[in-house]
Amino acid sequence: MIALATSCTRTYAVQEGDFCDKISAAHNVSTYQLAVVNPSINSDCTNLLPGQILCLGLSEGDCTTTYVVKPDDDCDIVSFAHQINSTVFRSNNPQLNANCSNMYIGEVLCTAQTVTVSHPPPGGKVPATAIPTTAAPSKHTDGPVSEDDLPWCD
């Protein structure tokens, strides 16, 4: 079922072998946004069926400027590379935790210059906060975050 179907602006029919990050990367939709507008997708994205229609964006918010996370990326690196202030970057990617340790290789992030993503309904759980069991963190951390690792301020 499509979430908020009346305001869905883009759709995609699932193909055999698809998974959330593959769909997100191919269609410029963040992993987070795909999860928010399709609440029927489970947390590991293992319940997609060929032919299933997914909503990719809503008229109320549709981030089509995206970036696929690579090894050694972190929030500062990605936001700096795309010239986005940290407040906008965090607003568009609310699934990322405070020290960005749940960012993973292959995750698709919204890199729009303005806040464009839809958020879960009030009281709703923020989806896509855990690293999928089949993914690797973008950065390996062996200990606590140092002061030098904290996100830069606007």
C-alpha atoms as a PDB file:
ATOM      1  CA  MET A   1       0.000   0.000   0.000  1.00  0.00           C
ATOM      2  CA  ILE A   2       1.253   3.478  -0.813  1.00  0.00           C
ATOM      3  CA  ALA A   3       1.432   5.922   2.063  1.00  0.00           C
ATOM      4  CA  LEU A   4      -0.628   9.041   1.477  1.00  0.00           C
ATOM      5  CA  ALA A   5      -1.319   7.963  -2.109  1.00  0.00           C
ATOM      6  CA  THR A   6      -3.185  11.169  -2.945  1.00  0.00           C
ATOM      7  CA  SER A   7      -0.006  13.207  -2.531  1.00  0.00           C
ATOM      8  CA  CYS A   8       2.475  10.751  -4.057  1.00  0.00           C
ATOM      9  CA  THR A   9       4.344  12.483  -6.897  1.00  0.00           C
ATOM     10  CA  ARG A  10       6.615   9.635  -8.063  1.00  0.00           C
ATOM     11  CA  THR A  11       6.174   5.870  -8.014  1.00  0.00           C
ATOM     12  CA  TYR A  12       8.233   2.800  -8.813  1.00  0.00           C
ATOM     13  CA  ALA A  13       7.291  -0.833  -9.457  1.00  0.00           C
ATOM     14  CA  VAL A  14       9.596  -3.200  -7.561  1.00  0.00           C
ATOM     15  CA  GLN A  15      11.634  -5.526  -9.772  1.00  0.00           C
ATOM     16  CA  GLU A  16      13.084  -8.936  -8.885  1.00  0.00           C
ATOM     17  CA  GLY A  17      16.340  -8.445  -6.934  1.00  0.00           C
ATOM     18  CA  ASP A  18      15.525  -4.901  -5.759  1.00  0.00           C
ATOM     19  CA  PHE A  19      16.349  -3.679  -2.276  1.00  0.00           C
ATOM     20  CA  CYS A  20      15.778  -0.274  -0.703  1.00  0.00           C
ATOM     21  CA  ASP A  21      19.217   1.282  -1.229  1.00  0.00           C
ATOM     22  CA  LYS A  22      19.329   0.059  -4.839  1.00  0.00           C
ATOM     23  CA  ILE A  23      15.940   1.647  -5.542  1.00  0.00           C
ATOM     24  CA  SER A  24      16.911   4.825  -3.691  1.00  0.00           C
ATOM     25  CA  ALA A  25      20.189   5.250  -5.588  1.00  0.00           C
ATOM     26  CA  ALA A  26      18.614   4.557  -8.981  1.00  0.00           C
ATOM     27  CA  HIS A  27      15.702   6.964  -8.465  1.00  0.00           C
ATOM     28  CA  ASN A  28      17.208   9.831  -6.431  1.00  0.00           C
ATOM     29  CA  VAL A  29      15.266   9.233  -3.240  1.00  0.00           C
ATOM     30  CA  SER A  30      16.966   8.987   0.137  1.00  0.00           C
ATOM     31  CA  THR A  31      16.795   5.711   2.036  1.00  0.00           C
ATOM     32  CA  TYR A  32      15.050   7.611   4.843  1.00  0.00           C
ATOM     33  CA  GLN A  33      12.440   9.193   2.550  1.00  0.00           C
ATOM     34  CA  LEU A  34      11.668   5.841   0.917  1.00  0.00           C
ATOM     35  CA  ALA A  35      11.012   4.368   4.381  1.00  0.00           C
ATOM     36  CA  VAL A  36       8.890   7.319   5.566  1.00  0.00           C
ATOM     37  CA  VAL A  37       6.563   7.380   2.571  1.00  0.00           C
ATOM     38  CA  ASN A  38       6.251   3.567   2.522  1.00  0.00           C
ATOM     39  CA  PRO A  39       5.674   2.531   6.136  1.00  0.00           C
ATOM     40  CA  SER A  40       4.848  -1.029   5.046  1.00  0.00           C
ATOM     41  CA  ILE A  41       8.537  -1.629   4.219  1.00  0.00           C
ATOM     42  CA  ASN A  42      10.138  -3.474   7.137  1.00  0.00           C
ATOM     43  CA  SER A  43      13.333  -2.261   8.837  1.00  0.00           C
ATOM     44  CA  ASP A  44      15.603  -4.630   6.858  1.00  0.00           C
ATOM     45  CA  CYS A  45      13.767  -3.967   3.563  1.00  0.00           C
ATOM     46  CA  THR A  46      13.246  -7.686   3.083  1.00  0.00           C
ATOM     47  CA  ASN A  47       9.527  -7.626   2.340  1.00  0.00           C
ATOM     48  CA  LEU A  48       9.556  -6.059  -1.150  1.00  0.00           C
ATOM     49  CA  LEU A  49       7.629  -7.999  -3.769  1.00  0.00           C
ATOM     50  CA  PRO A  50       8.077  -7.784  -7.561  1.00  0.00           C
ATOM     51  CA  GLY A  51       5.316  -5.611  -8.974  1.00  0.00           C
ATOM     52  CA  GLN A  52       4.725  -3.819  -5.666  1.00  0.00           C
ATOM     53  CA  ILE A  53       4.225  -0.089  -6.256  1.00  0.00           C
ATOM     54  CA  LEU A  54       6.272   2.177  -3.999  1.00  0.00           C
ATOM     55  CA  CYS A  55       5.864   5.894  -3.531  1.00  0.00           C
ATOM     56  CA  LEU A  56       9.169   7.732  -4.003  1.00  0.00           C
ATOM     57  CA  GLY A  57       8.141  11.260  -3.050  1.00  0.00           C
ATOM     58  CA  LEU A  58       5.283  13.329  -1.753  1.00  0.00           C
ATOM     59  CA  SER A  59       4.020  16.719  -2.840  1.00  0.00           C
ATOM     60  CA  GLU A  60       4.627  17.863   0.765  1.00  0.00           C
ATOM     61  CA  GLY A  61       8.305  16.920   0.547  1.00  0.00           C
ATOM     62  CA  ASP A  62      10.395  15.171  -2.069  1.00  0.00           C
ATOM     63  CA  CYS A  63      14.174  15.242  -1.913  1.00  0.00           C
ATOM     64  CA  THR A  64      15.550  14.381  -5.334  1.00  0.00           C
ATOM     65  CA  THR A  65      19.112  15.548  -4.662  1.00  0.00           C
ATOM     66  CA  THR A  66      20.882  12.552  -3.196  1.00  0.00           C
ATOM     67  CA  TYR A  67      24.276  11.071  -2.434  1.00  0.00           C
ATOM     68  CA  VAL A  68      25.308   7.436  -1.949  1.00  0.00           C
ATOM     69  CA  VAL A  69      27.570   6.981   1.101  1.00  0.00           C
ATOM     70  CA  LYS A  70      31.085   5.693   0.422  1.00  0.00           C
ATOM     71  CA  PRO A  71      33.717   4.262   2.804  1.00  0.00           C
ATOM     72  CA  ASP A  72      35.090   6.813   5.299  1.00  0.00           C
ATOM     73  CA  ASP A  73      32.233   9.292   4.759  1.00  0.00           C
ATOM     74  CA  ASP A  74      30.744  11.003   7.785  1.00  0.00           C
ATOM     75  CA  CYS A  75      28.191  13.764   8.269  1.00  0.00           C
ATOM     76  CA  ASP A  76      30.788  16.534   8.112  1.00  0.00           C
ATOM     77  CA  ILE A  77      32.423  15.207   4.952  1.00  0.00           C
ATOM     78  CA  VAL A  78      29.125  14.799   3.099  1.00  0.00           C
ATOM     79  CA  SER A  79      27.598  18.116   4.182  1.00  0.00           C
ATOM     80  CA  PHE A  80      30.817  20.007   3.399  1.00  0.00           C
ATOM     81  CA  ALA A  81      31.227  18.341  -0.016  1.00  0.00           C
ATOM     82  CA  HIS A  82      27.667  19.327  -0.944  1.00  0.00           C
ATOM     83  CA  GLN A  83      27.909  22.802   0.636  1.00  0.00           C
ATOM     84  CA  ILE A  84      24.999  22.177   2.999  1.00  0.00           C
ATOM     85  CA  ASN A  85      24.900  23.621   6.482  1.00  0.00           C
ATOM     86  CA  SER A  86      24.669  20.983   9.191  1.00  0.00           C
ATOM     87  CA  THR A  87      21.172  22.029  10.314  1.00  0.00           C
ATOM     88  CA  VAL A  88      19.673  21.445   6.854  1.00  0.00           C
ATOM     89  CA  PHE A  89      21.672  18.229   6.393  1.00  0.00           C
ATOM     90  CA  ARG A  90      20.441  16.853   9.738  1.00  0.00           C
ATOM     91  CA  SER A  91      16.846  17.951   9.047  1.00  0.00           C
ATOM     92  CA  ASN A  92      16.873  16.104   5.726  1.00  0.00           C
ATOM     93  CA  ASN A  93      18.495  13.013   7.274  1.00  0.00           C
ATOM     94  CA  PRO A  94      16.933  12.679  10.748  1.00  0.00           C
ATOM     95  CA  GLN A  95      17.711   8.961  10.863  1.00  0.00           C
ATOM     96  CA  LEU A  96      21.388   9.766  11.524  1.00  0.00           C
ATOM     97  CA  ASN A  97      22.382   9.782  15.182  1.00  0.00           C
ATOM     98  CA  ALA A  98      24.306  12.597  16.898  1.00  0.00           C
ATOM     99  CA  ASN A  99      27.795  11.291  16.095  1.00  0.00           C
ATOM    100  CA  CYS A 100      26.790   9.912  12.680  1.00  0.00           C
ATOM    101  CA  SER A 101      27.933   6.415  13.627  1.00  0.00           C
ATOM    102  CA  ASN A 102      24.872   4.793  12.039  1.00  0.00           C
ATOM    103  CA  MET A 103      25.705   6.075   8.532  1.00  0.00           C
ATOM    104  CA  TYR A 104      26.524   3.088   6.321  1.00  0.00           C
ATOM    105  CA  ILE A 105      28.123   2.400   2.958  1.00  0.00           C
ATOM    106  CA  GLY A 106      25.463   2.411   0.246  1.00  0.00           C
ATOM    107  CA  GLU A 107      22.960   4.458   2.261  1.00  0.00           C
ATOM    108  CA  VAL A 108      21.348   7.157   0.143  1.00  0.00           C
ATOM    109  CA  LEU A 109      21.228  10.573   1.819  1.00  0.00           C
ATOM    110  CA  CYS A 110      19.321  13.719   0.947  1.00  0.00           C
ATOM    111  CA  THR A 111      21.780  16.461  -0.009  1.00  0.00           C
ATOM    112  CA  ALA A 112      19.324  19.207  -0.924  1.00  0.00           C
ATOM    113  CA  GLN A 113      20.201  22.803  -0.032  1.00  0.00           C
ATOM    114  CA  THR A 114      16.854  23.314   1.709  1.00  0.00           C
ATOM    115  CA  VAL A 115      14.747  21.112   3.988  1.00  0.00           C
ATOM    116  CA  THR A 116      12.688  18.952   1.649  1.00  0.00           C
ATOM    117  CA  VAL A 117      11.976  15.580   3.269  1.00  0.00           C
ATOM    118  CA  SER A 118       8.733  14.391   4.773  1.00  0.00           C
ATOM    119  CA  HIS A 119       8.824  13.488   8.428  1.00  0.00           C
ATOM    120  CA  PRO A 120       6.949  10.722  10.212  1.00  0.00           C
ATOM    121  CA  PRO A 121       3.596  11.659  11.723  1.00  0.00           C
ATOM    122  CA  PRO A 122       3.692  13.097  15.259  1.00  0.00           C
ATOM    123  CA  GLY A 123       4.522  10.305  17.658  1.00  0.00           C
ATOM    124  CA  GLY A 124       5.649   8.113  14.767  1.00  0.00           C
ATOM    125  CA  LYS A 125       8.965   6.269  14.901  1.00  0.00           C
ATOM    126  CA  VAL A 126      11.805   7.607  12.742  1.00  0.00           C
ATOM    127  CA  PRO A 127      12.557   4.804  10.247  1.00  0.00           C
ATOM    128  CA  ALA A 128      15.907   3.715   8.823  1.00  0.00           C
ATOM    129  CA  THR A 129      17.930   4.494  11.962  1.00  0.00           C
ATOM    130  CA  ALA A 130      19.752   1.154  12.163  1.00  0.00           C
ATOM    131  CA  ILE A 131      22.500  -0.095   9.898  1.00  0.00           C
ATOM    132  CA  PRO A 132      21.069  -3.014   7.912  1.00  0.00           C
ATOM    133  CA  THR A 133      22.605  -6.359   8.833  1.00  0.00           C
ATOM    134  CA  THR A 134      23.981  -6.666   5.302  1.00  0.00           C
ATOM    135  CA  ALA A 135      25.672  -3.229   5.329  1.00  0.00           C
ATOM    136  CA  ALA A 136      28.934  -1.873   6.745  1.00  0.00           C
ATOM    137  CA  PRO A 137      29.346   1.374   8.708  1.00  0.00           C
ATOM    138  CA  SER A 138      30.925   4.154   6.661  1.00  0.00           C
ATOM    139  CA  LYS A 139      33.447   4.863   9.436  1.00  0.00           C
ATOM    140  CA  HIS A 140      34.980   2.449  11.904  1.00  0.00           C
ATOM    141  CA  THR A 141      35.122   3.847  15.421  1.00  0.00           C
ATOM    142  CA  ASP A 142      37.154   2.220  18.169  1.00  0.00           C
ATOM    143  CA  GLY A 143      36.201   4.456  21.027  1.00  0.00           C
ATOM    144  CA  PRO A 144      34.423   7.562  22.206  1.00  0.00           C
ATOM    145  CA  VAL A 145      34.002  10.562  19.971  1.00  0.00           C
ATOM    146  CA  SER A 146      36.643  13.216  20.559  1.00  0.00           C
ATOM    147  CA  GLU A 147      36.035  16.950  20.512  1.00  0.00           C
ATOM    148  CA  ASP A 148      37.743  17.074  17.076  1.00  0.00           C
ATOM    149  CA  ASP A 149      35.087  14.695  15.661  1.00  0.00           C
ATOM    150  CA  LEU A 150      32.080  16.822  16.614  1.00  0.00           C
ATOM    151  CA  PRO A 151      30.045  18.317  13.770  1.00  0.00           C
ATOM    152  CA  TRP A 152      30.997  21.847  12.798  1.00  0.00           C
ATOM    153  CA  CYS A 153      28.676  24.617  13.773  1.00  0.00           C
ATOM    154  CA  ASP A 154      26.816  26.892  11.416  1.00  0.00           C
END
